[in-house]
Amino acid sequence: MSGIEPDMEDLFQEKKRVRNPLVPLGALATAGVLTAGLISFRRGNSQLGQVLMRARVVVQGATVALMVGTAYYYGDNPWQK
């Protein structure tokens, strides 16, 4: 599809990508807590594993909240002009 007309490309404006540096940190923290929880389950410490899995849910929720908050803050509102 190399036959796209030049004025058609004007319709697709580049949006500025916003990167929140806390999101990758949250993803790494989630992966770390998940790994620690799985290791503790494998070693037979199920009580610690349960605590770590609950902590993973909290960290993962915070990461998703950061992503949604960043998208909301920097996103365009189509109802406002």
N, C-alpha and C. Protein backbone atom coordinates (compact mmCIF):
# COMPACT_ATOMS: atom_id res chain seq x y z
N MET A 1 0.83 -1.19 0.00
CA MET A 1 0.00 0.00 0.00
C MET A 1 0.87 1.25 0.00
N SER A 2 1.74 1.36 -0.94
CA SER A 2 2.58 2.54 -1.01
C SER A 2 1.91 3.66 -1.78
N GLY A 3 0.67 3.45 -2.23
CA GLY A 3 0.00 4.46 -3.02
C GLY A 3 -0.89 5.38 -2.21
N ILE A 4 -0.53 5.67 -0.98
CA ILE A 4 -1.33 6.58 -0.15
C ILE A 4 -1.12 8.00 -0.64
N GLU A 5 -2.21 8.72 -0.82
CA GLU A 5 -2.12 10.09 -1.31
C GLU A 5 -1.48 10.98 -0.25
N PRO A 6 -0.73 11.99 -0.66
CA PRO A 6 -0.05 12.86 0.31
C PRO A 6 -1.00 13.59 1.26
N ASP A 7 -2.19 14.03 0.77
CA ASP A 7 -3.09 14.73 1.67
C ASP A 7 -3.75 13.78 2.65
N MET A 8 -3.73 12.50 2.38
CA MET A 8 -4.26 11.53 3.33
C MET A 8 -3.37 11.44 4.56
N GLU A 9 -2.06 11.63 4.39
CA GLU A 9 -1.14 11.58 5.52
C GLU A 9 -1.33 12.76 6.47
N ASP A 10 -1.90 13.86 5.95
CA ASP A 10 -2.15 15.02 6.81
C ASP A 10 -3.24 14.73 7.85
N LEU A 11 -4.09 13.76 7.57
CA LEU A 11 -5.15 13.43 8.52
C LEU A 11 -4.61 12.75 9.77
N PHE A 12 -3.46 12.08 9.64
CA PHE A 12 -2.89 11.34 10.76
C PHE A 12 -1.74 12.14 11.36
N GLN A 13 -2.06 13.01 12.29
CA GLN A 13 -1.03 13.82 12.93
C GLN A 13 -0.34 13.00 14.00
N GLU A 14 0.95 13.23 14.13
CA GLU A 14 1.72 12.53 15.16
C GLU A 14 1.36 13.09 16.53
N LYS A 15 1.05 12.21 17.45
CA LYS A 15 0.79 12.63 18.82
C LYS A 15 2.07 12.51 19.61
N LYS A 16 2.25 13.42 20.52
CA LYS A 16 3.42 13.38 21.39
C LYS A 16 3.27 12.23 22.36
N ARG A 17 4.27 11.36 22.40
CA ARG A 17 4.24 10.23 23.32
C ARG A 17 4.71 10.70 24.68
N VAL A 18 3.91 10.44 25.69
CA VAL A 18 4.23 10.82 27.05
C VAL A 18 4.65 9.56 27.79
N ARG A 19 5.78 9.62 28.43
CA ARG A 19 6.27 8.46 29.17
C ARG A 19 6.39 8.82 30.64
N ASN A 20 5.72 8.05 31.44
CA ASN A 20 5.82 8.22 32.89
C ASN A 20 6.91 7.28 33.37
N PRO A 21 7.98 7.81 33.96
CA PRO A 21 9.09 6.94 34.38
C PRO A 21 8.72 6.00 35.52
N LEU A 22 7.61 6.24 36.18
CA LEU A 22 7.22 5.36 37.28
C LEU A 22 6.56 4.07 36.79
N VAL A 23 6.04 4.07 35.58
CA VAL A 23 5.36 2.87 35.06
C VAL A 23 6.33 1.71 34.87
N PRO A 24 7.51 1.90 34.23
CA PRO A 24 8.44 0.77 34.15
C PRO A 24 8.94 0.32 35.52
N LEU A 25 9.10 1.26 36.44
CA LEU A 25 9.51 0.87 37.80
C LEU A 25 8.42 0.02 38.46
N GLY A 26 7.17 0.38 38.25
CA GLY A 26 6.07 -0.41 38.79
C GLY A 26 6.00 -1.80 38.17
N ALA A 27 6.29 -1.87 36.88
CA ALA A 27 6.30 -3.18 36.20
C ALA A 27 7.43 -4.06 36.75
N LEU A 28 8.59 -3.45 36.97
CA LEU A 28 9.71 -4.22 37.54
C LEU A 28 9.40 -4.66 38.97
N ALA A 29 8.79 -3.77 39.73
CA ALA A 29 8.42 -4.13 41.11
C ALA A 29 7.40 -5.27 41.11
N THR A 30 6.44 -5.21 40.20
CA THR A 30 5.45 -6.29 40.09
C THR A 30 6.12 -7.61 39.76
N ALA A 31 7.03 -7.58 38.79
CA ALA A 31 7.73 -8.81 38.40
C ALA A 31 8.59 -9.33 39.55
N GLY A 32 9.22 -8.44 40.30
CA GLY A 32 10.05 -8.85 41.42
C GLY A 32 9.26 -9.50 42.53
N VAL A 33 8.13 -8.89 42.88
CA VAL A 33 7.29 -9.46 43.95
C VAL A 33 6.69 -10.78 43.50
N LEU A 34 6.29 -10.86 42.22
CA LEU A 34 5.76 -12.11 41.69
C LEU A 34 6.81 -13.22 41.75
N THR A 35 8.03 -12.90 41.35
CA THR A 35 9.10 -13.90 41.39
C THR A 35 9.39 -14.35 42.81
N ALA A 36 9.45 -13.40 43.73
CA ALA A 36 9.69 -13.75 45.14
C ALA A 36 8.56 -14.62 45.69
N GLY A 37 7.33 -14.31 45.30
CA GLY A 37 6.20 -15.11 45.76
C GLY A 37 6.23 -16.53 45.22
N LEU A 38 6.58 -16.67 43.95
CA LEU A 38 6.66 -18.01 43.36
C LEU A 38 7.80 -18.82 43.97
N ILE A 39 8.92 -18.16 44.24
CA ILE A 39 10.04 -18.86 44.88
C ILE A 39 9.65 -19.32 46.28
N SER A 40 8.95 -18.46 47.03
CA SER A 40 8.57 -18.87 48.38
C SER A 40 7.55 -20.00 48.35
N PHE A 41 6.65 -20.01 47.37
CA PHE A 41 5.73 -21.15 47.24
C PHE A 41 6.50 -22.42 46.93
N ARG A 42 7.48 -22.32 46.05
CA ARG A 42 8.25 -23.50 45.66
C ARG A 42 9.05 -24.06 46.84
N ARG A 43 9.51 -23.18 47.72
CA ARG A 43 10.27 -23.62 48.88
C ARG A 43 9.38 -24.12 50.01
N GLY A 44 8.08 -24.00 49.85
CA GLY A 44 7.17 -24.54 50.84
C GLY A 44 6.66 -23.54 51.85
N ASN A 45 7.03 -22.27 51.73
CA ASN A 45 6.56 -21.25 52.67
C ASN A 45 5.31 -20.59 52.08
N SER A 46 4.18 -21.28 52.22
CA SER A 46 2.96 -20.80 51.58
C SER A 46 2.41 -19.55 52.24
N GLN A 47 2.65 -19.35 53.53
CA GLN A 47 2.15 -18.15 54.20
C GLN A 47 2.84 -16.90 53.65
N LEU A 48 4.15 -16.94 53.48
CA LEU A 48 4.88 -15.82 52.90
C LEU A 48 4.48 -15.64 51.44
N GLY A 49 4.27 -16.73 50.75
CA GLY A 49 3.85 -16.67 49.35
C GLY A 49 2.52 -15.95 49.19
N GLN A 50 1.58 -16.23 50.10
CA GLN A 50 0.28 -15.55 50.05
C GLN A 50 0.43 -14.05 50.29
N VAL A 51 1.27 -13.68 51.24
CA VAL A 51 1.50 -12.26 51.53
C VAL A 51 2.11 -11.57 50.32
N LEU A 52 3.07 -12.24 49.68
CA LEU A 52 3.71 -11.65 48.51
C LEU A 52 2.75 -11.56 47.33
N MET A 53 1.87 -12.53 47.17
CA MET A 53 0.91 -12.46 46.07
C MET A 53 -0.09 -11.32 46.30
N ARG A 54 -0.46 -11.09 47.55
CA ARG A 54 -1.33 -9.94 47.84
C ARG A 54 -0.60 -8.63 47.60
N ALA A 55 0.68 -8.60 47.93
CA ALA A 55 1.48 -7.40 47.67
C ALA A 55 1.61 -7.18 46.16
N ARG A 56 1.71 -8.26 45.40
CA ARG A 56 1.79 -8.13 43.94
C ARG A 56 0.54 -7.49 43.38
N VAL A 57 -0.61 -7.88 43.91
CA VAL A 57 -1.87 -7.30 43.43
C VAL A 57 -1.89 -5.80 43.71
N VAL A 58 -1.43 -5.39 44.87
CA VAL A 58 -1.41 -3.97 45.22
C VAL A 58 -0.45 -3.21 44.30
N VAL A 59 0.76 -3.75 44.10
CA VAL A 59 1.75 -3.07 43.25
C VAL A 59 1.26 -3.02 41.81
N GLN A 60 0.66 -4.10 41.35
CA GLN A 60 0.16 -4.13 39.98
C GLN A 60 -1.00 -3.14 39.80
N GLY A 61 -1.86 -3.05 40.79
CA GLY A 61 -2.95 -2.07 40.73
C GLY A 61 -2.45 -0.64 40.71
N ALA A 62 -1.40 -0.37 41.49
CA ALA A 62 -0.82 0.97 41.49
C ALA A 62 -0.20 1.29 40.13
N THR A 63 0.42 0.31 39.51
CA THR A 63 1.02 0.52 38.19
C THR A 63 -0.06 0.81 37.15
N VAL A 64 -1.14 0.07 37.18
CA VAL A 64 -2.24 0.31 36.24
C VAL A 64 -2.87 1.67 36.50
N ALA A 65 -3.00 2.05 37.77
CA ALA A 65 -3.54 3.37 38.10
C ALA A 65 -2.64 4.48 37.57
N LEU A 66 -1.31 4.28 37.65
CA LEU A 66 -0.38 5.26 37.08
C LEU A 66 -0.57 5.38 35.57
N MET A 67 -0.75 4.25 34.90
CA MET A 67 -0.92 4.28 33.45
C MET A 67 -2.21 5.00 33.07
N VAL A 68 -3.30 4.69 33.78
CA VAL A 68 -4.58 5.32 33.48
C VAL A 68 -4.53 6.81 33.82
N GLY A 69 -3.91 7.15 34.95
CA GLY A 69 -3.80 8.55 35.34
C GLY A 69 -2.97 9.36 34.36
N THR A 70 -1.89 8.78 33.87
CA THR A 70 -1.06 9.47 32.89
C THR A 70 -1.83 9.67 31.59
N ALA A 71 -2.55 8.65 31.14
CA ALA A 71 -3.33 8.77 29.91
C ALA A 71 -4.43 9.81 30.07
N TYR A 72 -5.05 9.86 31.24
CA TYR A 72 -6.12 10.84 31.48
C TYR A 72 -5.56 12.25 31.54
N TYR A 73 -4.43 12.43 32.20
CA TYR A 73 -3.85 13.75 32.39
C TYR A 73 -3.35 14.34 31.06
N TYR A 74 -2.67 13.52 30.25
CA TYR A 74 -2.09 14.01 29.02
C TYR A 74 -2.97 13.77 27.79
N GLY A 75 -4.08 13.09 27.96
CA GLY A 75 -4.93 12.78 26.82
C GLY A 75 -5.76 13.96 26.37
N ASP A 76 -6.24 13.87 25.16
CA ASP A 76 -7.12 14.90 24.61
C ASP A 76 -8.55 14.58 24.98
N ASN A 77 -9.29 15.62 25.35
CA ASN A 77 -10.69 15.47 25.67
C ASN A 77 -11.50 15.91 24.44
N PRO A 78 -12.19 15.01 23.77
CA PRO A 78 -12.89 15.39 22.55
C PRO A 78 -14.11 16.30 22.81
N TRP A 79 -14.57 16.41 24.05
CA TRP A 79 -15.73 17.23 24.35
C TRP A 79 -15.36 18.66 24.71
N GLN A 80 -14.08 18.94 24.88
CA GLN A 80 -13.64 20.30 25.15
C GLN A 80 -12.99 20.88 23.90
N LYS A 81 -13.27 22.09 23.62
CA LYS A 81 -12.66 22.76 22.45
C LYS A 81 -11.78 23.89 22.91
